[in-house]
């Protein structure tokens, strides 16, 4: 059934960590965390696109999980 379906891959945002760092006045550390998370997510996406071809794969950020669970699919998946 998966061959006909879609694999959903949830990517982290680290939003809570980044917000806490900014609130504590650690702007540089927050910016570094944003960059680290971006690179980590990019590597995950690249790995799936390169090595996984069993079915379609869609990527979304963790802060969109509740929208997805409610069936609200507009502007959720990354392109």
N, C-alpha and C. Protein backbone atom coordinates (compact mmCIF):
# COMPACT_ATOMS: atom_id res chain seq x y z
N UNK A 1 0.82 -1.19 0.00
CA UNK A 1 0.00 0.00 0.00
C UNK A 1 0.87 1.26 0.00
N UNK A 2 2.03 1.19 0.65
CA UNK A 2 2.88 2.37 0.70
C UNK A 2 3.37 2.76 -0.69
N UNK A 3 3.58 1.79 -1.55
CA UNK A 3 4.04 2.08 -2.90
C UNK A 3 3.10 3.05 -3.60
N UNK A 4 1.82 2.95 -3.29
CA UNK A 4 0.81 3.83 -3.88
C UNK A 4 0.61 5.09 -3.04
N UNK A 5 1.19 5.14 -1.85
CA UNK A 5 0.95 6.23 -0.92
C UNK A 5 2.07 7.25 -0.89
N UNK A 6 2.18 7.89 0.26
CA UNK A 6 3.16 8.95 0.46
C UNK A 6 3.83 8.75 1.82
N UNK A 7 5.14 8.92 1.85
CA UNK A 7 5.88 8.90 3.10
C UNK A 7 6.03 10.35 3.56
N UNK A 8 5.57 10.65 4.77
CA UNK A 8 5.69 12.00 5.32
C UNK A 8 6.89 12.05 6.26
N UNK A 9 7.76 13.01 6.02
CA UNK A 9 8.96 13.16 6.83
C UNK A 9 8.87 14.48 7.58
N UNK A 10 8.89 14.38 8.91
CA UNK A 10 8.77 15.55 9.78
C UNK A 10 10.15 16.09 10.08
N UNK A 11 10.37 17.36 9.77
CA UNK A 11 11.65 18.01 10.00
C UNK A 11 11.56 18.92 11.22
N UNK A 12 12.60 18.96 12.01
CA UNK A 12 12.62 19.78 13.22
C UNK A 12 12.80 21.26 12.88
N UNK A 13 12.26 22.10 13.77
CA UNK A 13 12.47 23.54 13.64
C UNK A 13 13.37 24.07 14.76
N UNK A 14 13.44 23.37 15.87
CA UNK A 14 14.17 23.82 17.07
C UNK A 14 13.65 25.17 17.55
N UNK A 15 12.39 25.46 17.29
CA UNK A 15 11.81 26.76 17.60
C UNK A 15 11.91 27.10 19.09
N UNK A 16 11.63 26.14 19.96
CA UNK A 16 11.70 26.42 21.41
C UNK A 16 13.11 26.74 21.86
N UNK A 17 14.06 25.99 21.38
CA UNK A 17 15.46 26.23 21.72
C UNK A 17 15.91 27.60 21.23
N UNK A 18 15.58 27.90 20.01
CA UNK A 18 15.98 29.18 19.41
C UNK A 18 15.33 30.35 20.15
N UNK A 19 14.05 30.22 20.47
CA UNK A 19 13.35 31.28 21.21
C UNK A 19 13.97 31.48 22.59
N UNK A 20 14.32 30.38 23.26
CA UNK A 20 14.93 30.48 24.59
C UNK A 20 16.30 31.16 24.52
N UNK A 21 17.07 30.82 23.52
CA UNK A 21 18.37 31.46 23.34
C UNK A 21 18.22 32.96 23.09
N UNK A 22 17.27 33.32 22.25
CA UNK A 22 17.04 34.75 21.96
C UNK A 22 16.56 35.48 23.20
N UNK A 23 15.65 34.86 23.93
CA UNK A 23 15.12 35.48 25.15
C UNK A 23 16.22 35.72 26.18
N UNK A 24 17.19 34.80 26.22
CA UNK A 24 18.31 34.92 27.15
C UNK A 24 19.39 35.86 26.63
N UNK A 25 19.17 36.44 25.46
CA UNK A 25 20.13 37.40 24.91
C UNK A 25 21.28 36.77 24.14
N UNK A 26 21.15 35.51 23.79
CA UNK A 26 22.21 34.81 23.06
C UNK A 26 21.88 34.79 21.56
N UNK A 27 21.92 35.94 20.96
CA UNK A 27 21.53 36.07 19.55
C UNK A 27 22.43 35.27 18.62
N UNK A 28 23.72 35.30 18.88
CA UNK A 28 24.65 34.57 18.02
C UNK A 28 24.42 33.06 18.11
N UNK A 29 24.24 32.55 19.33
CA UNK A 29 23.96 31.13 19.50
C UNK A 29 22.64 30.75 18.84
N UNK A 30 21.67 31.62 18.93
CA UNK A 30 20.37 31.36 18.29
C UNK A 30 20.54 31.28 16.77
N UNK A 31 21.30 32.20 16.22
CA UNK A 31 21.55 32.19 14.78
C UNK A 31 22.30 30.94 14.35
N UNK A 32 23.25 30.52 15.17
CA UNK A 32 23.99 29.29 14.88
C UNK A 32 23.06 28.09 14.90
N UNK A 33 22.14 28.05 15.85
CA UNK A 33 21.20 26.93 15.94
C UNK A 33 20.28 26.90 14.74
N UNK A 34 19.83 28.08 14.29
CA UNK A 34 19.01 28.16 13.08
C UNK A 34 19.77 27.55 11.90
N UNK A 35 21.01 27.94 11.76
CA UNK A 35 21.84 27.44 10.65
C UNK A 35 22.07 25.93 10.77
N UNK A 36 22.37 25.45 11.97
CA UNK A 36 22.59 24.01 12.19
C UNK A 36 21.35 23.21 11.84
N UNK A 37 20.19 23.71 12.26
CA UNK A 37 18.94 22.98 11.99
C UNK A 37 18.63 22.97 10.51
N UNK A 38 18.90 24.09 9.84
CA UNK A 38 18.69 24.17 8.40
C UNK A 38 19.55 23.13 7.69
N UNK A 39 20.80 23.05 8.06
CA UNK A 39 21.73 22.11 7.41
C UNK A 39 21.31 20.67 7.69
N UNK A 40 20.92 20.37 8.93
CA UNK A 40 20.47 19.03 9.27
C UNK A 40 19.24 18.63 8.44
N UNK A 41 18.28 19.53 8.35
CA UNK A 41 17.07 19.25 7.56
C UNK A 41 17.40 19.09 6.08
N UNK A 42 18.29 19.91 5.58
CA UNK A 42 18.70 19.81 4.18
C UNK A 42 19.34 18.46 3.89
N UNK A 43 20.18 17.98 4.79
CA UNK A 43 20.83 16.68 4.62
C UNK A 43 19.80 15.55 4.62
N UNK A 44 18.81 15.65 5.50
CA UNK A 44 17.76 14.63 5.54
C UNK A 44 17.00 14.61 4.22
N UNK A 45 16.62 15.78 3.75
CA UNK A 45 15.87 15.86 2.49
C UNK A 45 16.71 15.33 1.32
N UNK A 46 17.96 15.71 1.27
CA UNK A 46 18.84 15.24 0.19
C UNK A 46 19.00 13.73 0.22
N UNK A 47 19.14 13.16 1.41
CA UNK A 47 19.32 11.72 1.53
C UNK A 47 18.08 10.99 1.02
N UNK A 48 16.90 11.45 1.42
CA UNK A 48 15.68 10.81 0.93
C UNK A 48 15.55 10.94 -0.58
N UNK A 49 15.82 12.12 -1.08
CA UNK A 49 15.68 12.34 -2.54
C UNK A 49 16.68 11.50 -3.33
N UNK A 50 17.84 11.27 -2.77
CA UNK A 50 18.87 10.51 -3.48
C UNK A 50 18.69 9.00 -3.36
N UNK A 51 18.27 8.52 -2.17
CA UNK A 51 18.31 7.09 -1.90
C UNK A 51 16.95 6.41 -1.76
N UNK A 52 15.88 7.18 -1.69
CA UNK A 52 14.57 6.57 -1.45
C UNK A 52 13.67 6.81 -2.65
N UNK A 53 13.25 5.73 -3.29
CA UNK A 53 12.38 5.89 -4.46
C UNK A 53 11.21 4.90 -4.44
N UNK A 54 10.92 4.37 -3.26
CA UNK A 54 9.84 3.39 -3.16
C UNK A 54 8.48 4.03 -3.37
N UNK A 55 8.31 5.24 -2.86
CA UNK A 55 7.06 5.97 -3.04
C UNK A 55 7.37 7.46 -2.95
N UNK A 56 6.35 8.26 -3.16
CA UNK A 56 6.51 9.71 -3.06
C UNK A 56 6.84 10.09 -1.62
N UNK A 57 7.68 11.11 -1.45
CA UNK A 57 8.06 11.59 -0.13
C UNK A 57 7.71 13.07 -0.04
N UNK A 58 7.07 13.46 1.06
CA UNK A 58 6.76 14.86 1.33
C UNK A 58 7.40 15.24 2.66
N UNK A 59 7.94 16.44 2.71
CA UNK A 59 8.61 16.95 3.91
C UNK A 59 7.78 18.09 4.49
N UNK A 60 7.75 18.13 5.83
CA UNK A 60 7.06 19.23 6.50
C UNK A 60 7.76 19.53 7.81
N UNK A 61 7.59 20.76 8.29
CA UNK A 61 8.20 21.16 9.55
C UNK A 61 7.34 20.75 10.73
N UNK A 62 7.99 20.45 11.83
CA UNK A 62 7.31 19.96 13.03
C UNK A 62 6.23 20.92 13.54
N UNK A 63 6.40 22.21 13.31
CA UNK A 63 5.39 23.16 13.78
C UNK A 63 4.10 23.11 12.95
N UNK A 64 4.06 22.29 11.94
CA UNK A 64 2.86 22.10 11.12
C UNK A 64 2.17 20.77 11.41
N UNK A 65 2.64 20.03 12.41
CA UNK A 65 2.11 18.70 12.71
C UNK A 65 0.62 18.72 13.05
N UNK A 66 0.20 19.66 13.87
CA UNK A 66 -1.22 19.69 14.26
C UNK A 66 -2.11 20.02 13.07
N UNK A 67 -1.66 20.92 12.20
CA UNK A 67 -2.42 21.22 10.98
C UNK A 67 -2.57 19.97 10.13
N UNK A 68 -1.49 19.24 9.97
CA UNK A 68 -1.50 18.03 9.18
C UNK A 68 -2.45 17.00 9.79
N UNK A 69 -2.40 16.85 11.11
CA UNK A 69 -3.26 15.89 11.79
C UNK A 69 -4.74 16.23 11.62
N UNK A 70 -5.03 17.52 11.45
CA UNK A 70 -6.41 17.96 11.26
C UNK A 70 -6.83 17.93 9.79
N UNK A 71 -5.92 17.50 8.93
CA UNK A 71 -6.24 17.40 7.51
C UNK A 71 -6.08 18.68 6.74
N UNK A 72 -5.52 19.69 7.34
CA UNK A 72 -5.27 20.96 6.66
C UNK A 72 -3.93 20.86 5.92
N UNK A 73 -3.99 20.60 4.63
CA UNK A 73 -2.79 20.32 3.87
C UNK A 73 -2.23 21.51 3.09
N UNK A 74 -2.93 22.61 3.09
CA UNK A 74 -2.49 23.77 2.30
C UNK A 74 -1.26 24.40 2.96
N UNK A 75 -0.24 24.65 2.17
CA UNK A 75 1.01 25.29 2.60
C UNK A 75 1.71 24.55 3.73
N UNK A 76 1.66 23.23 3.70
CA UNK A 76 2.34 22.43 4.73
C UNK A 76 3.62 21.83 4.19
N UNK A 77 3.57 21.29 2.99
CA UNK A 77 4.71 20.54 2.46
C UNK A 77 5.72 21.45 1.79
N UNK A 78 6.99 21.11 1.97
CA UNK A 78 8.09 21.87 1.37
C UNK A 78 8.29 21.45 -0.07
N UNK A 79 8.71 22.33 -0.85
CA UNK A 79 8.98 22.04 -2.27
C UNK A 79 10.43 22.20 -2.57
